């Protein structure tokens, strides 16, 4: 897919107009859920947007939701202090479950099966359209300049992305990455839209974390892999890009889909 799931447009190059950049913002998801949440909406970098317990009116930096009439603001809860099973989560699609002191949005009865909620075989919880599924980490390896890349996350900036806009990534507020090893003219734009952390939305214009369908136990805790893209304009994790294996499942990140093979 040439765009984040839910985005209005995908680009091969960095768009020049703000309105075009905004179209590259897709939805954001808690890992293992199919329910979408609005992304950021800002023409300037913002490190932190503090979120109320429930969003009942437009907030600077966050895309607004509106009802079917296109006029009435649609409230949603970005950080409900509690957990839910799938039945409750599906009944409350506008509630993101973020219990204090836990990395899990789900209840204990779901824990043993959570690692298969998204997978390389499409599941009922997969938010991608029919014929598509959430991409796995290995399917992003072609975005790295090292052809032997094995899914590690460096501890410092290495300029390891197969990027065509390295010198302008800060101004472009996104990465233009080559994805076809046999045809380096093929590129796709990853917008640095930030993500929902704990009761805040962070790193708009600096970070793009993309969920992968891989999930496994790290020690005693289930965590998911995500593609980590950080601009050299950032003062945190500056230019440290790779596959991060320690994604907190209650976090809300964008994702991309890949077409299923027959």
Foldseek 3Di string as FASTA:
>chain_A
DQAFAAAQDWDLDQDDDLVVLRSRFHFWDQFLAQFTHWFWRDPDKDFKDFADQKDQDDDHGTDWDADPVVPHTDIAGLEAQAAAAPVVCVVRSRYQYHHPPALDNHDPVCVVPSQVSFDLPHDPRANDDPQKGFAAQVLCQQQFPDPPDDFDWDPAADNGGQFDPQVCCLVSQWTWTQRDPVDRSGTITDHAGFWADRSMTGTGSFWAWAWGSGWDDDPNDIAGKTWIAGDCPDPPRRNTTGIDGHHRSSIIHITDIDGRDD
